[in-house]
Amino acid sequence: MRNFIACLLVSTLSGWVLYHLMIIAQDGQAVIQEPRIWVMAGEFGLFSGQVLWGIFGAIKNGRDYLK
């Protein structure tokens, strides 16, 4: 459970950073004042976290299965 919470936190933060980097790359400046941006960044982070969690889980289960 601790690993899941840590993965969720890291993925959300990394998604937030990636999202803001994409905004900066698009407009030349990030719009931090809009709450909508924060919600979208959180969703992006959760989505990327779920994808990473699925990949790592599949790798771990495959390795356990092959032992």
Protein backbone atom coordinates (compact mmCIF):
# COMPACT_ATOMS: atom_id res chain seq x y z
CA MET A 1 0.00 0.00 0.00
CA ARG A 2 2.87 2.34 0.81
CA ASN A 3 4.39 1.73 -2.63
CA PHE A 4 1.05 2.49 -4.28
CA ILE A 5 0.71 5.83 -2.46
CA ALA A 6 4.33 6.74 -3.26
CA CYS A 7 3.85 5.84 -6.93
CA LEU A 8 0.62 7.86 -7.07
CA LEU A 9 2.30 10.89 -5.50
CA VAL A 10 5.36 10.74 -7.75
CA SER A 11 3.28 10.18 -10.88
CA THR A 12 0.96 13.08 -10.05
CA LEU A 13 3.90 15.42 -9.44
CA SER A 14 5.68 14.27 -12.59
CA GLY A 15 2.47 14.64 -14.58
CA TRP A 16 2.03 18.16 -13.21
CA VAL A 17 5.61 19.06 -14.18
CA LEU A 18 5.24 17.50 -17.66
CA TYR A 19 1.95 19.29 -18.22
CA HIS A 20 3.45 22.65 -17.27
CA LEU A 21 6.45 22.00 -19.50
CA MET A 22 4.03 21.34 -22.37
CA ILE A 23 2.18 24.59 -21.59
CA ILE A 24 5.47 26.51 -21.48
CA ALA A 25 6.52 24.93 -24.78
CA GLN A 26 3.21 25.95 -26.35
CA ASP A 27 2.62 29.49 -25.11
CA GLY A 28 6.01 30.58 -23.87
CA GLN A 29 4.57 31.05 -20.37
CA ALA A 30 2.61 28.94 -17.93
CA VAL A 31 -0.78 30.09 -16.70
CA ILE A 32 -0.76 29.02 -13.07
CA GLN A 33 -3.70 31.17 -11.91
CA GLU A 34 -6.38 29.09 -13.65
CA PRO A 35 -7.75 26.30 -11.42
CA ARG A 36 -8.69 24.35 -14.57
CA ILE A 37 -4.97 23.95 -15.32
CA TRP A 38 -4.38 22.34 -11.92
CA VAL A 39 -7.25 19.90 -12.42
CA MET A 40 -6.03 18.93 -15.90
CA ALA A 41 -2.48 18.53 -14.61
CA GLY A 42 -3.72 16.26 -11.82
CA GLU A 43 -5.70 14.14 -14.28
CA PHE A 44 -2.68 13.92 -16.59
CA GLY A 45 -0.52 12.84 -13.65
CA LEU A 46 -3.02 10.21 -12.51
CA PHE A 47 -3.34 8.84 -16.03
CA SER A 48 0.42 8.58 -16.51
CA GLY A 49 0.70 7.04 -13.04
CA GLN A 50 -1.88 4.38 -13.90
CA VAL A 51 -0.04 3.56 -17.12
CA LEU A 52 3.30 3.28 -15.29
CA TRP A 53 1.68 1.25 -12.51
CA GLY A 54 0.23 -1.15 -15.09
CA ILE A 55 3.56 -1.56 -16.87
CA PHE A 56 5.54 -2.14 -13.67
CA GLY A 57 2.85 -4.49 -12.33
CA ALA A 58 2.90 -6.53 -15.54
CA ILE A 59 6.70 -6.77 -15.44
CA LYS A 60 6.70 -7.79 -11.76
CA ASN A 61 3.92 -10.38 -12.24
CA GLY A 62 5.69 -11.77 -15.31
CA ARG A 63 8.95 -12.12 -13.39
CA ASP A 64 7.18 -13.81 -10.47
CA TYR A 65 5.40 -16.14 -12.87
CA LEU A 66 8.63 -17.16 -14.62
CA LYS A 67 10.41 -18.05 -11.36
